Amino acid sequence: MTGTAANPRSFVFFLVPDFSMIAFATALEPLRLANRMLGYDAYKWRLSSTDGKPVAASNQVECAVDSSLEDERKYMTGAERPSMLFVCSGINVEKFANKSVFAWLREEYNRGVAVGGLCTGAHILAAAGLQSGRRCAIHWENLPGFAEAFPRAEVFADLFEVDSNVYTCAGGTAALDMMLNLIGDDHDDNLVNSICEQVLTDRVRNPSDRQRLPLRARLGVQNSKVLSIIELMEANLAEPLSLLEIADHVGLSRRQIERLFRQEMGRSPARYYLEIRLDRARHLLIQSSMPVVEVAVACGFVSASHFSKCYRELYGRSPQQERAERKHLLVA
């Protein structure tokens, strides 16, 4: 059994440029607190990067590391081999394309090391070929682009997922829930409860708890019919429903829906539906390399020209300009 004084569970946190500091901290701190509560080191860890140099998080804070990829390869066959390794990433994850890292992740997994991804880490695990046919979680903002880039991965908007020794979480404080779950498996609920008290949280959330605020809180809308309509819209972006189909689903007339949306949302249902489809398109343009015409189809537009016209009207720039600006920022 790992997680004991005689056999501590060892972790490697592999830091990718622009990693999420909150996801990293809420994954690491429960291990420190577990050691403190137990009175011995049940867990140990080290930080790693591709070249062994410090890595800047997305908040520009630099973290020194203990090892390089070359070091970790040497450790694979010795006493320093980890029990688990986590890829810590965040924004701009789509530009990370280090084949040596991908090969190392596969080798570690094949040697029985549990691998995981924090925040957008599932993207790197998928690029390494470790997510095909497996359930995984990723931050809701990155989910559309991830689903298009890796169709064989079973991605969910859950807080965290564990499938075949592959651990993924959506980032933010979801890393805390995942690590408390792991610590609970190693020890007991008393230790988990003690850690919860230290970090001032009252419970460990379930893996399937929602990532985002409920629509009611997110939009400030109280009308249950309007909320049901918006949920229908968000679930049908690639093949938009007609207003008549929506009316049949919720048991209202078209005129009633039009009036409700004017009152609650300040615009027509058609306009609101268009805006959420364009928001999805923007995420795909930023996070994926899909051709613009494929982005248009994925978001329910019948032609690239109509998509471009609508996009420019809402965002003040074309889809091509959006992507070009994004590439410029990534290079810079």
C-alpha atoms as a PDB file:
ATOM      1  CA  MET A   1       0.000   0.000   0.000  1.00  0.00           C
ATOM      2  CA  THR A   2       1.264   3.480  -0.890  1.00  0.00           C
ATOM      3  CA  GLY A   3       0.642   6.601   1.135  1.00  0.00           C
ATOM      4  CA  THR A   4       2.270   5.194   4.278  1.00  0.00           C
ATOM      5  CA  ALA A   5       5.342   6.189   6.268  1.00  0.00           C
ATOM      6  CA  ALA A   6       7.214   3.135   4.953  1.00  0.00           C
ATOM      7  CA  ASN A   7       6.000   3.507   1.382  1.00  0.00           C
ATOM      8  CA  PRO A   8       5.013   7.104   0.562  1.00  0.00           C
ATOM      9  CA  ARG A   9       3.127   7.776  -2.656  1.00  0.00           C
ATOM     10  CA  SER A  10       5.342   9.900  -4.901  1.00  0.00           C
ATOM     11  CA  PHE A  11       4.159  12.466  -7.422  1.00  0.00           C
ATOM     12  CA  VAL A  12       5.707  14.337 -10.326  1.00  0.00           C
ATOM     13  CA  PHE A  13       4.033  17.588 -11.337  1.00  0.00           C
ATOM     14  CA  PHE A  14       5.119  18.393 -14.887  1.00  0.00           C
ATOM     15  CA  LEU A  15       4.684  22.122 -15.468  1.00  0.00           C
ATOM     16  CA  VAL A  16       3.767  23.401 -18.928  1.00  0.00           C
ATOM     17  CA  PRO A  17       4.166  27.123 -19.740  1.00  0.00           C
ATOM     18  CA  ASP A  18       1.041  29.140 -18.824  1.00  0.00           C
ATOM     19  CA  PHE A  19      -0.145  26.417 -16.445  1.00  0.00           C
ATOM     20  CA  SER A  20      -3.030  27.182 -14.093  1.00  0.00           C
ATOM     21  CA  MET A  21      -1.658  28.160 -10.697  1.00  0.00           C
ATOM     22  CA  ILE A  22      -4.950  27.532  -8.900  1.00  0.00           C
ATOM     23  CA  ALA A  23      -5.262  23.993 -10.283  1.00  0.00           C
ATOM     24  CA  PHE A  24      -1.630  23.240  -9.417  1.00  0.00           C
ATOM     25  CA  ALA A  25      -1.902  24.669  -5.891  1.00  0.00           C
ATOM     26  CA  THR A  26      -5.178  22.927  -5.073  1.00  0.00           C
ATOM     27  CA  ALA A  27      -3.683  19.620  -6.223  1.00  0.00           C
ATOM     28  CA  LEU A  28      -0.463  20.017  -4.246  1.00  0.00           C
ATOM     29  CA  GLU A  29      -1.711  21.519  -0.975  1.00  0.00           C
ATOM     30  CA  PRO A  30      -3.919  18.555   0.054  1.00  0.00           C
ATOM     31  CA  LEU A  31      -0.808  16.349  -0.060  1.00  0.00           C
ATOM     32  CA  ARG A  32       1.088  18.721   2.215  1.00  0.00           C
ATOM     33  CA  LEU A  33      -1.841  18.933   4.602  1.00  0.00           C
ATOM     34  CA  ALA A  34      -2.278  15.161   4.629  1.00  0.00           C
ATOM     35  CA  ASN A  35       1.347  14.800   5.730  1.00  0.00           C
ATOM     36  CA  ARG A  36       0.807  17.428   8.422  1.00  0.00           C
ATOM     37  CA  MET A  37      -2.371  15.796   9.734  1.00  0.00           C
ATOM     38  CA  LEU A  38      -0.824  12.307   9.723  1.00  0.00           C
ATOM     39  CA  GLY A  39       2.417  13.370  11.366  1.00  0.00           C
ATOM     40  CA  TYR A  40       4.573  11.673   8.730  1.00  0.00           C
ATOM     41  CA  ASP A  41       5.271  11.956   5.005  1.00  0.00           C
ATOM     42  CA  ALA A  42       2.678   9.755   3.343  1.00  0.00           C
ATOM     43  CA  TYR A  43       3.210  11.760   0.155  1.00  0.00           C
ATOM     44  CA  LYS A  44       6.220  13.254  -1.530  1.00  0.00           C
ATOM     45  CA  TRP A  45       6.547  15.186  -4.774  1.00  0.00           C
ATOM     46  CA  ARG A  46       8.828  16.985  -7.144  1.00  0.00           C
ATOM     47  CA  LEU A  47       8.255  19.510  -9.914  1.00  0.00           C
ATOM     48  CA  SER A  48       9.539  18.995 -13.419  1.00  0.00           C
ATOM     49  CA  SER A  49       9.749  20.852 -16.730  1.00  0.00           C
ATOM     50  CA  THR A  50      10.956  20.033 -20.209  1.00  0.00           C
ATOM     51  CA  ASP A  51      14.398  21.624 -19.749  1.00  0.00           C
ATOM     52  CA  GLY A  52      14.645  21.774 -15.949  1.00  0.00           C
ATOM     53  CA  LYS A  53      14.268  25.560 -15.968  1.00  0.00           C
ATOM     54  CA  PRO A  54      11.615  27.543 -14.049  1.00  0.00           C
ATOM     55  CA  VAL A  55       8.174  27.722 -15.658  1.00  0.00           C
ATOM     56  CA  ALA A  56       5.843  30.719 -15.631  1.00  0.00           C
ATOM     57  CA  ALA A  57       2.199  30.114 -14.817  1.00  0.00           C
ATOM     58  CA  SER A  58      -0.567  31.987 -16.593  1.00  0.00           C
ATOM     59  CA  ASN A  59      -0.424  34.593 -13.800  1.00  0.00           C
ATOM     60  CA  GLN A  60       3.293  35.123 -14.677  1.00  0.00           C
ATOM     61  CA  VAL A  61       4.547  33.706 -11.369  1.00  0.00           C
ATOM     62  CA  GLU A  62       7.600  31.536 -12.042  1.00  0.00           C
ATOM     63  CA  CYS A  63       8.021  28.177 -10.328  1.00  0.00           C
ATOM     64  CA  ALA A  64      11.433  26.585  -9.902  1.00  0.00           C
ATOM     65  CA  VAL A  65      11.506  22.862 -10.660  1.00  0.00           C
ATOM     66  CA  ASP A  66      13.493  19.878  -9.420  1.00  0.00           C
ATOM     67  CA  SER A  67      14.053  17.939 -12.629  1.00  0.00           C
ATOM     68  CA  SER A  68      14.061  17.981 -16.416  1.00  0.00           C
ATOM     69  CA  LEU A  69      12.527  15.566 -18.893  1.00  0.00           C
ATOM     70  CA  GLU A  70      15.983  13.991 -19.288  1.00  0.00           C
ATOM     71  CA  ASP A  71      16.168  13.464 -15.525  1.00  0.00           C
ATOM     72  CA  GLU A  72      12.703  11.916 -15.415  1.00  0.00           C
ATOM     73  CA  ARG A  73      13.661   9.428 -18.113  1.00  0.00           C
ATOM     74  CA  LYS A  74      16.588   8.296 -15.970  1.00  0.00           C
ATOM     75  CA  TYR A  75      14.336   7.963 -12.938  1.00  0.00           C
ATOM     76  CA  MET A  76      11.891   5.650 -14.734  1.00  0.00           C
ATOM     77  CA  THR A  77      13.845   2.497 -13.906  1.00  0.00           C
ATOM     78  CA  GLY A  78      15.128   3.399 -10.430  1.00  0.00           C
ATOM     79  CA  ALA A  79      13.969   4.166  -6.914  1.00  0.00           C
ATOM     80  CA  GLU A  80      12.950   7.691  -7.932  1.00  0.00           C
ATOM     81  CA  ARG A  81      10.273   6.413 -10.292  1.00  0.00           C
ATOM     82  CA  PRO A  82       6.989   8.150  -9.302  1.00  0.00           C
ATOM     83  CA  SER A  83       3.698   6.538  -8.360  1.00  0.00           C
ATOM     84  CA  MET A  84       1.789   9.213 -10.276  1.00  0.00           C
ATOM     85  CA  LEU A  85       2.543  12.099 -12.572  1.00  0.00           C
ATOM     86  CA  PHE A  86       0.344  15.062 -13.383  1.00  0.00           C
ATOM     87  CA  VAL A  87       0.618  17.326 -16.391  1.00  0.00           C
ATOM     88  CA  CYS A  88      -0.177  20.861 -15.238  1.00  0.00           C
ATOM     89  CA  SER A  89      -1.296  23.129 -18.051  1.00  0.00           C
ATOM     90  CA  GLY A  90      -3.707  25.983 -18.614  1.00  0.00           C
ATOM     91  CA  ILE A  91      -4.205  28.526 -21.365  1.00  0.00           C
ATOM     92  CA  ASN A  92      -2.521  28.102 -24.763  1.00  0.00           C
ATOM     93  CA  VAL A  93      -2.327  24.343 -24.252  1.00  0.00           C
ATOM     94  CA  GLU A  94      -3.025  23.762 -27.951  1.00  0.00           C
ATOM     95  CA  LYS A  95       0.405  25.124 -28.885  1.00  0.00           C
ATOM     96  CA  PHE A  96       2.253  22.507 -26.799  1.00  0.00           C
ATOM     97  CA  ALA A  97       3.531  19.877 -29.233  1.00  0.00           C
ATOM     98  CA  ASN A  98       6.613  18.264 -27.704  1.00  0.00           C
ATOM     99  CA  LYS A  99       6.858  14.713 -29.075  1.00  0.00           C
ATOM    100  CA  SER A 100       9.490  13.782 -26.502  1.00  0.00           C
ATOM    101  CA  VAL A 101       7.088  14.639 -23.691  1.00  0.00           C
ATOM    102  CA  PHE A 102       4.298  12.670 -25.381  1.00  0.00           C
ATOM    103  CA  ALA A 103       6.586   9.619 -25.673  1.00  0.00           C
ATOM    104  CA  TRP A 104       7.654   9.960 -22.017  1.00  0.00           C
ATOM    105  CA  LEU A 105       4.025  10.065 -20.864  1.00  0.00           C
ATOM    106  CA  ARG A 106       3.249   6.897 -22.809  1.00  0.00           C
ATOM    107  CA  GLU A 107       6.307   5.136 -21.402  1.00  0.00           C
ATOM    108  CA  GLU A 108       5.455   6.074 -17.823  1.00  0.00           C
ATOM    109  CA  TYR A 109       1.891   4.867 -18.282  1.00  0.00           C
ATOM    110  CA  ASN A 110       3.040   1.599 -19.852  1.00  0.00           C
ATOM    111  CA  ARG A 111       5.313   1.028 -16.851  1.00  0.00           C
ATOM    112  CA  GLY A 112       2.330   1.236 -14.498  1.00  0.00           C
ATOM    113  CA  VAL A 113       2.624   4.866 -13.420  1.00  0.00           C
ATOM    114  CA  ALA A 114      -0.751   6.609 -13.066  1.00  0.00           C
ATOM    115  CA  VAL A 115      -0.875   9.720 -15.259  1.00  0.00           C
ATOM    116  CA  GLY A 116      -3.142  12.709 -14.969  1.00  0.00           C
ATOM    117  CA  GLY A 117      -3.946  16.142 -16.279  1.00  0.00           C
ATOM    118  CA  LEU A 118      -4.879  19.278 -14.358  1.00  0.00           C
ATOM    119  CA  CYS A 119      -7.101  21.949 -15.945  1.00  0.00           C
ATOM    120  CA  THR A 120      -6.352  21.472 -19.677  1.00  0.00           C
ATOM    121  CA  GLY A 121      -3.889  18.624 -19.104  1.00  0.00           C
ATOM    122  CA  ALA A 122      -6.279  16.192 -20.795  1.00  0.00           C
ATOM    123  CA  HIS A 123      -5.353  17.913 -24.061  1.00  0.00           C
ATOM    124  CA  ILE A 124      -1.697  16.903 -23.686  1.00  0.00           C
ATOM    125  CA  LEU A 125      -2.610  13.386 -22.567  1.00  0.00           C
ATOM    126  CA  ALA A 126      -4.860  13.049 -25.628  1.00  0.00           C
ATOM    127  CA  ALA A 127      -2.096  14.314 -27.908  1.00  0.00           C
ATOM    128  CA  ALA A 128       0.098  11.594 -26.371  1.00  0.00           C
ATOM    129  CA  GLY A 129      -2.529   8.991 -27.289  1.00  0.00           C
ATOM    130  CA  LEU A 130      -3.660   8.284 -23.729  1.00  0.00           C
ATOM    131  CA  GLN A 131      -7.301   9.393 -23.934  1.00  0.00           C
ATOM    132  CA  SER A 132      -8.697   7.354 -26.834  1.00  0.00           C
ATOM    133  CA  GLY A 133     -11.809   5.529 -25.634  1.00  0.00           C
ATOM    134  CA  ARG A 134     -11.370   6.857 -22.100  1.00  0.00           C
ATOM    135  CA  ARG A 135     -13.509   9.203 -20.056  1.00  0.00           C
ATOM    136  CA  CYS A 136     -11.854  12.502 -19.252  1.00  0.00           C
ATOM    137  CA  ALA A 137     -12.610  15.958 -17.913  1.00  0.00           C
ATOM    138  CA  ILE A 138     -11.355  19.323 -19.099  1.00  0.00           C
ATOM    139  CA  HIS A 139     -12.197  22.921 -18.292  1.00  0.00           C
ATOM    140  CA  TRP A 140     -15.567  23.885 -19.823  1.00  0.00           C
ATOM    141  CA  GLU A 141     -13.987  26.711 -21.823  1.00  0.00           C
ATOM    142  CA  ASN A 142     -11.703  24.243 -23.621  1.00  0.00           C
ATOM    143  CA  LEU A 143     -14.229  21.454 -24.064  1.00  0.00           C
ATOM    144  CA  PRO A 144     -15.543  22.414 -27.557  1.00  0.00           C
ATOM    145  CA  GLY A 145     -12.081  22.596 -29.098  1.00  0.00           C
ATOM    146  CA  PHE A 146     -10.943  19.438 -27.328  1.00  0.00           C
ATOM    147  CA  ALA A 147     -13.969  17.456 -28.503  1.00  0.00           C
ATOM    148  CA  GLU A 148     -13.332  18.465 -32.114  1.00  0.00           C
ATOM    149  CA  ALA A 149      -9.575  17.806 -31.938  1.00  0.00           C
ATOM    150  CA  PHE A 150      -9.863  14.427 -30.186  1.00  0.00           C
ATOM    151  CA  PRO A 151     -13.146  12.778 -31.232  1.00  0.00           C
ATOM    152  CA  ARG A 152     -12.090   9.380 -29.838  1.00  0.00           C
ATOM    153  CA  ALA A 153     -11.806  10.742 -26.299  1.00  0.00           C
ATOM    154  CA  GLU A 154     -14.947  10.585 -24.167  1.00  0.00           C
ATOM    155  CA  VAL A 155     -14.871  14.086 -22.708  1.00  0.00           C
ATOM    156  CA  PHE A 156     -17.347  15.301 -20.112  1.00  0.00           C
ATOM    157  CA  ALA A 157     -18.033  18.585 -18.355  1.00  0.00           C
ATOM    158  CA  ASP A 158     -17.404  16.871 -15.017  1.00  0.00           C
ATOM    159  CA  LEU A 159     -15.154  18.055 -12.207  1.00  0.00           C
ATOM    160  CA  PHE A 160     -12.843  15.069 -12.564  1.00  0.00           C
ATOM    161  CA  GLU A 161     -12.654  11.624 -14.140  1.00  0.00           C
ATOM    162  CA  VAL A 162     -10.624   8.492 -13.401  1.00  0.00           C
ATOM    163  CA  ASP A 163     -10.440   5.867 -16.135  1.00  0.00           C
ATOM    164  CA  SER A 164      -7.864   3.079 -16.477  1.00  0.00           C
ATOM    165  CA  ASN A 165      -5.245   4.736 -14.276  1.00  0.00           C
ATOM    166  CA  VAL A 166      -5.666   8.072 -16.087  1.00  0.00           C
ATOM    167  CA  TYR A 167      -6.804  10.973 -13.908  1.00  0.00           C
ATOM    168  CA  THR A 168      -8.130  14.235 -15.330  1.00  0.00           C
ATOM    169  CA  CYS A 169      -9.782  17.234 -13.740  1.00  0.00           C
ATOM    170  CA  ALA A 170     -11.326  20.414 -15.041  1.00  0.00           C
ATOM    171  CA  GLY A 171      -8.969  22.759 -13.212  1.00  0.00           C
ATOM    172  CA  GLY A 172      -9.688  25.473 -10.695  1.00  0.00           C
ATOM    173  CA  THR A 173     -10.736  23.989  -7.380  1.00  0.00           C
ATOM    174  CA  ALA A 174     -11.763  20.709  -9.037  1.00  0.00           C
ATOM    175  CA  ALA A 175      -8.170  19.584  -8.464  1.00  0.00           C
ATOM    176  CA  LEU A 176      -8.848  19.784  -4.719  1.00  0.00           C
ATOM    177  CA  ASP A 177     -11.831  17.429  -5.031  1.00  0.00           C
ATOM    178  CA  MET A 178      -9.858  14.944  -7.118  1.00  0.00           C
ATOM    179  CA  MET A 179      -6.918  14.859  -4.725  1.00  0.00           C
ATOM    180  CA  LEU A 180      -9.137  14.570  -1.649  1.00  0.00           C
ATOM    181  CA  ASN A 181     -10.831  11.641  -3.361  1.00  0.00           C
ATOM    182  CA  LEU A 182      -7.446  10.011  -3.903  1.00  0.00           C
ATOM    183  CA  ILE A 183      -6.350  10.675  -0.309  1.00  0.00           C
ATOM    184  CA  GLY A 184      -9.625   9.181   0.925  1.00  0.00           C
ATOM    185  CA  ASP A 185      -8.892   6.005  -1.019  1.00  0.00           C
ATOM    186  CA  ASP A 186      -5.450   5.784   0.607  1.00  0.00           C
ATOM    187  CA  HIS A 187      -6.617   6.571   4.129  1.00  0.00           C
ATOM    188  CA  ASP A 188     -10.091   7.395   5.458  1.00  0.00           C
ATOM    189  CA  ASP A 189     -12.801  10.043   5.667  1.00  0.00           C
ATOM    190  CA  ASN A 190     -11.421  11.372   8.963  1.00  0.00           C
ATOM    191  CA  LEU A 191      -8.243  12.548   7.239  1.00  0.00           C
ATOM    192  CA  VAL A 192     -10.209  14.029   4.336  1.00  0.00           C
ATOM    193  CA  ASN A 193     -12.484  15.883   6.766  1.00  0.00           C
ATOM    194  CA  SER A 194      -9.467  17.274   8.623  1.00  0.00           C
ATOM    195  CA  ILE A 195      -8.027  18.608   5.365  1.00  0.00           C
ATOM    196  CA  CYS A 196     -11.400  20.109   4.412  1.00  0.00           C
ATOM    197  CA  GLU A 197     -11.446  21.989   7.714  1.00  0.00           C
ATOM    198  CA  GLN A 198      -7.952  23.324   7.070  1.00  0.00           C
ATOM    199  CA  VAL A 199      -8.822  24.660   3.599  1.00  0.00           C
ATOM    200  CA  LEU A 200     -12.225  25.956   4.758  1.00  0.00           C
ATOM    201  CA  THR A 201     -14.398  23.836   2.507  1.00  0.00           C
ATOM    202  CA  ASP A 202     -17.368  21.921   3.831  1.00  0.00           C
ATOM    203  CA  ARG A 203     -17.369  18.905   1.522  1.00  0.00           C
ATOM    204  CA  VAL A 204     -15.724  16.986  -1.291  1.00  0.00           C
ATOM    205  CA  ARG A 205     -17.769  17.450  -4.429  1.00  0.00           C
ATOM    206  CA  ASN A 206     -18.805  14.490  -6.563  1.00  0.00           C
ATOM    207  CA  PRO A 207     -16.952  13.930  -9.843  1.00  0.00           C
ATOM    208  CA  SER A 208     -20.140  14.577 -11.811  1.00  0.00           C
ATOM    209  CA  ASP A 209     -20.982  17.883 -10.110  1.00  0.00           C
ATOM    210  CA  ARG A 210     -21.323  20.695 -12.631  1.00  0.00           C
ATOM    211  CA  GLN A 211     -18.346  22.872 -13.516  1.00  0.00           C
ATOM    212  CA  ARG A 212     -20.274  26.027 -14.314  1.00  0.00           C
ATOM    213  CA  LEU A 213     -22.829  27.900 -12.288  1.00  0.00           C
ATOM    214  CA  PRO A 214     -26.414  26.832 -12.930  1.00  0.00           C
ATOM    215  CA  LEU A 215     -28.034  28.815 -15.739  1.00  0.00           C
ATOM    216  CA  ARG A 216     -30.308  30.523 -13.219  1.00  0.00           C
ATOM    217  CA  ALA A 217     -27.329  31.989 -11.369  1.00  0.00           C
ATOM    218  CA  ARG A 218     -25.118  32.521 -14.433  1.00  0.00           C
ATOM    219  CA  LEU A 219     -27.691  34.494 -16.414  1.00  0.00           C
ATOM    220  CA  GLY A 220     -29.749  35.964 -13.604  1.00  0.00           C
ATOM    221  CA  VAL A 221     -32.881  34.477 -15.176  1.00  0.00           C
ATOM    222  CA  GLN A 222     -35.663  33.131 -12.981  1.00  0.00           C
ATOM    223  CA  ASN A 223     -38.247  32.028 -15.538  1.00  0.00           C
ATOM    224  CA  SER A 224     -38.085  28.225 -15.727  1.00  0.00           C
ATOM    225  CA  LYS A 225     -39.443  28.122 -19.299  1.00  0.00           C
ATOM    226  CA  VAL A 226     -36.747  30.461 -20.554  1.00  0.00           C
ATOM    227  CA  LEU A 227     -34.088  28.408 -18.776  1.00  0.00           C
ATOM    228  CA  SER A 228     -35.430  25.219 -20.390  1.00  0.00           C
ATOM    229  CA  ILE A 229     -35.299  26.856 -23.815  1.00  0.00           C
ATOM    230  CA  ILE A 230     -31.715  28.015 -23.300  1.00  0.00           C
ATOM    231  CA  GLU A 231     -30.697  24.511 -22.209  1.00  0.00           C
ATOM    232  CA  LEU A 232     -32.249  23.167 -25.430  1.00  0.00           C
ATOM    233  CA  MET A 233     -30.346  25.732 -27.469  1.00  0.00           C
ATOM    234  CA  GLU A 234     -27.022  24.938 -25.804  1.00  0.00           C
ATOM    235  CA  ALA A 235     -27.572  21.218 -26.436  1.00  0.00           C
ATOM    236  CA  ASN A 236     -28.314  21.767 -30.139  1.00  0.00           C
ATOM    237  CA  LEU A 237     -25.662  24.049 -31.611  1.00  0.00           C
ATOM    238  CA  ALA A 238     -24.478  22.005 -34.600  1.00  0.00           C
ATOM    239  CA  GLU A 239     -28.037  21.423 -35.807  1.00  0.00           C
ATOM    240  CA  PRO A 240     -30.089  24.329 -34.464  1.00  0.00           C
ATOM    241  CA  LEU A 241     -33.723  23.696 -33.669  1.00  0.00           C
ATOM    242  CA  SER A 242     -36.403  25.807 -35.271  1.00  0.00           C
ATOM    243  CA  LEU A 243     -38.522  28.021 -33.052  1.00  0.00           C
ATOM    244  CA  LEU A 244     -41.466  25.752 -33.821  1.00  0.00           C
ATOM    245  CA  GLU A 245     -39.494  22.694 -32.608  1.00  0.00           C
ATOM    246  CA  ILE A 246     -38.499  24.554 -29.448  1.00  0.00           C
ATOM    247  CA  ALA A 247     -42.119  25.560 -28.877  1.00  0.00           C
ATOM    248  CA  ASP A 248     -43.206  21.913 -29.137  1.00  0.00           C
ATOM    249  CA  HIS A 249     -40.527  20.865 -26.615  1.00  0.00           C
ATOM    250  CA  VAL A 250     -41.541  23.367 -23.931  1.00  0.00           C
ATOM    251  CA  GLY A 251     -45.286  23.542 -24.542  1.00  0.00           C
ATOM    252  CA  LEU A 252     -45.468  27.224 -25.472  1.00  0.00           C
ATOM    253  CA  SER A 253     -46.480  29.076 -28.608  1.00  0.00           C
ATOM    254  CA  ARG A 254     -43.924  30.879 -30.759  1.00  0.00           C
ATOM    255  CA  ARG A 255     -45.456  34.202 -29.746  1.00  0.00           C
ATOM    256  CA  GLN A 256     -45.143  33.359 -26.048  1.00  0.00           C
ATOM    257  CA  ILE A 257     -41.472  32.432 -26.497  1.00  0.00           C
ATOM    258  CA  GLU A 258     -40.782  35.664 -28.382  1.00  0.00           C
ATOM    259  CA  ARG A 259     -42.426  37.703 -25.607  1.00  0.00           C
ATOM    260  CA  LEU A 260     -40.607  35.851 -22.806  1.00  0.00           C
ATOM    261  CA  PHE A 261     -37.208  36.339 -24.427  1.00  0.00           C
ATOM    262  CA  ARG A 262     -37.836  40.030 -24.973  1.00  0.00           C
ATOM    263  CA  GLN A 263     -38.737  40.384 -21.306  1.00  0.00           C
ATOM    264  CA  GLU A 264     -36.019  38.181 -19.786  1.00  0.00           C
ATOM    265  CA  MET A 265     -33.108  38.404 -22.256  1.00  0.00           C
ATOM    266  CA  GLY A 266     -33.700  41.731 -23.981  1.00  0.00           C
ATOM    267  CA  ARG A 267     -33.583  40.169 -27.437  1.00  0.00           C
ATOM    268  CA  SER A 268     -35.365  37.690 -29.635  1.00  0.00           C
ATOM    269  CA  PRO A 269     -34.825  33.935 -29.163  1.00  0.00           C
ATOM    270  CA  ALA A 270     -33.329  33.779 -32.665  1.00  0.00           C
ATOM    271  CA  ARG A 271     -30.780  36.443 -31.786  1.00  0.00           C
ATOM    272  CA  TYR A 272     -29.871  34.758 -28.514  1.00  0.00           C
ATOM    273  CA  TYR A 273     -29.481  31.387 -30.249  1.00  0.00           C
ATOM    274  CA  LEU A 274     -27.201  33.002 -32.838  1.00  0.00           C
ATOM    275  CA  GLU A 275     -25.026  34.565 -30.137  1.00  0.00           C
ATOM    276  CA  ILE A 276     -24.403  31.317 -28.266  1.00  0.00           C
ATOM    277  CA  ARG A 277     -23.557  29.557 -31.555  1.00  0.00           C
ATOM    278  CA  LEU A 278     -21.077  32.328 -32.367  1.00  0.00           C
ATOM    279  CA  ASP A 279     -19.594  32.078 -28.866  1.00  0.00           C
ATOM    280  CA  ARG A 280     -18.999  28.369 -29.472  1.00  0.00           C
ATOM    281  CA  ALA A 281     -17.433  29.215 -32.835  1.00  0.00           C
ATOM    282  CA  ARG A 282     -15.078  31.690 -31.193  1.00  0.00           C
ATOM    283  CA  HIS A 283     -13.849  29.012 -28.783  1.00  0.00           C
ATOM    284  CA  LEU A 284     -13.223  26.638 -31.688  1.00  0.00           C
ATOM    285  CA  LEU A 285     -11.331  29.263 -33.675  1.00  0.00           C
ATOM    286  CA  ILE A 286      -9.103  30.041 -30.710  1.00  0.00           C
ATOM    287  CA  GLN A 287      -8.550  26.524 -29.399  1.00  0.00           C
ATOM    288  CA  SER A 288      -8.425  24.365 -32.526  1.00  0.00           C
ATOM    289  CA  SER A 289      -6.907  24.272 -35.994  1.00  0.00           C
ATOM    290  CA  MET A 290     -10.221  23.374 -37.645  1.00  0.00           C
ATOM    291  CA  PRO A 291     -10.732  25.096 -41.019  1.00  0.00           C
ATOM    292  CA  VAL A 292     -13.132  28.023 -40.789  1.00  0.00           C
ATOM    293  CA  VAL A 293     -15.682  26.214 -42.933  1.00  0.00           C
ATOM    294  CA  GLU A 294     -15.679  23.262 -40.514  1.00  0.00           C
ATOM    295  CA  VAL A 295     -16.107  25.620 -37.568  1.00  0.00           C
ATOM    296  CA  ALA A 296     -19.101  27.104 -39.375  1.00  0.00           C
ATOM    297  CA  VAL A 297     -20.684  23.674 -39.889  1.00  0.00           C
ATOM    298  CA  ALA A 298     -19.972  22.619 -36.281  1.00  0.00           C
ATOM    299  CA  CYS A 299     -21.874  25.677 -35.082  1.00  0.00           C
ATOM    300  CA  GLY A 300     -24.906  25.270 -37.319  1.00  0.00           C
ATOM    301  CA  PHE A 301     -24.154  27.627 -40.211  1.00  0.00           C
ATOM    302  CA  VAL A 302     -25.061  26.533 -43.720  1.00  0.00           C
ATOM    303  CA  SER A 303     -22.267  28.500 -45.384  1.00  0.00           C
ATOM    304  CA  ALA A 304     -18.905  29.998 -44.476  1.00  0.00           C
ATOM    305  CA  SER A 305     -19.941  33.364 -45.934  1.00  0.00           C
ATOM    306  CA  HIS A 306     -23.023  33.615 -43.722  1.00  0.00           C
ATOM    307  CA  PHE A 307     -20.949  32.545 -40.728  1.00  0.00           C
ATOM    308  CA  SER A 308     -18.304  35.206 -41.463  1.00  0.00           C
ATOM    309  CA  LYS A 309     -20.951  37.917 -41.876  1.00  0.00           C
ATOM    310  CA  CYS A 310     -22.611  37.066 -38.541  1.00  0.00           C
ATOM    311  CA  TYR A 311     -19.262  36.744 -36.782  1.00  0.00           C
ATOM    312  CA  ARG A 312     -18.073  40.141 -37.986  1.00  0.00           C
ATOM    313  CA  GLU A 313     -21.339  41.774 -36.941  1.00  0.00           C
ATOM    314  CA  LEU A 314     -21.017  40.468 -33.376  1.00  0.00           C
ATOM    315  CA  TYR A 315     -17.251  40.665 -32.774  1.00  0.00           C
ATOM    316  CA  GLY A 316     -16.140  43.385 -35.168  1.00  0.00           C
ATOM    317  CA  ARG A 317     -13.686  41.121 -36.989  1.00  0.00           C
ATOM    318  CA  SER A 318     -13.830  38.138 -39.304  1.00  0.00           C
ATOM    319  CA  PRO A 319     -13.181  34.552 -38.189  1.00  0.00           C
ATOM    320  CA  GLN A 320      -9.920  34.665 -40.159  1.00  0.00           C
ATOM    321  CA  GLN A 321      -8.845  37.821 -38.328  1.00  0.00           C
ATOM    322  CA  GLU A 322      -9.757  36.231 -34.991  1.00  0.00           C
ATOM    323  CA  ARG A 323      -7.515  33.264 -35.707  1.00  0.00           C
ATOM    324  CA  ALA A 324      -4.675  35.393 -37.103  1.00  0.00           C
ATOM    325  CA  GLU A 325      -4.748  37.597 -34.006  1.00  0.00           C
ATOM    326  CA  ARG A 326      -4.679  34.512 -31.791  1.00  0.00           C
ATOM    327  CA  LYS A 327      -1.655  33.106 -33.648  1.00  0.00           C
ATOM    328  CA  HIS A 328       0.126  36.429 -33.241  1.00  0.00           C
ATOM    329  CA  LEU A 329      -0.473  36.371 -29.490  1.00  0.00           C
ATOM    330  CA  LEU A 330       0.788  32.788 -29.224  1.00  0.00           C
ATOM    331  CA  VAL A 331       3.983  33.609 -31.124  1.00  0.00           C
ATOM    332  CA  ALA A 332       4.517  36.768 -29.071  1.00  0.00           C
END
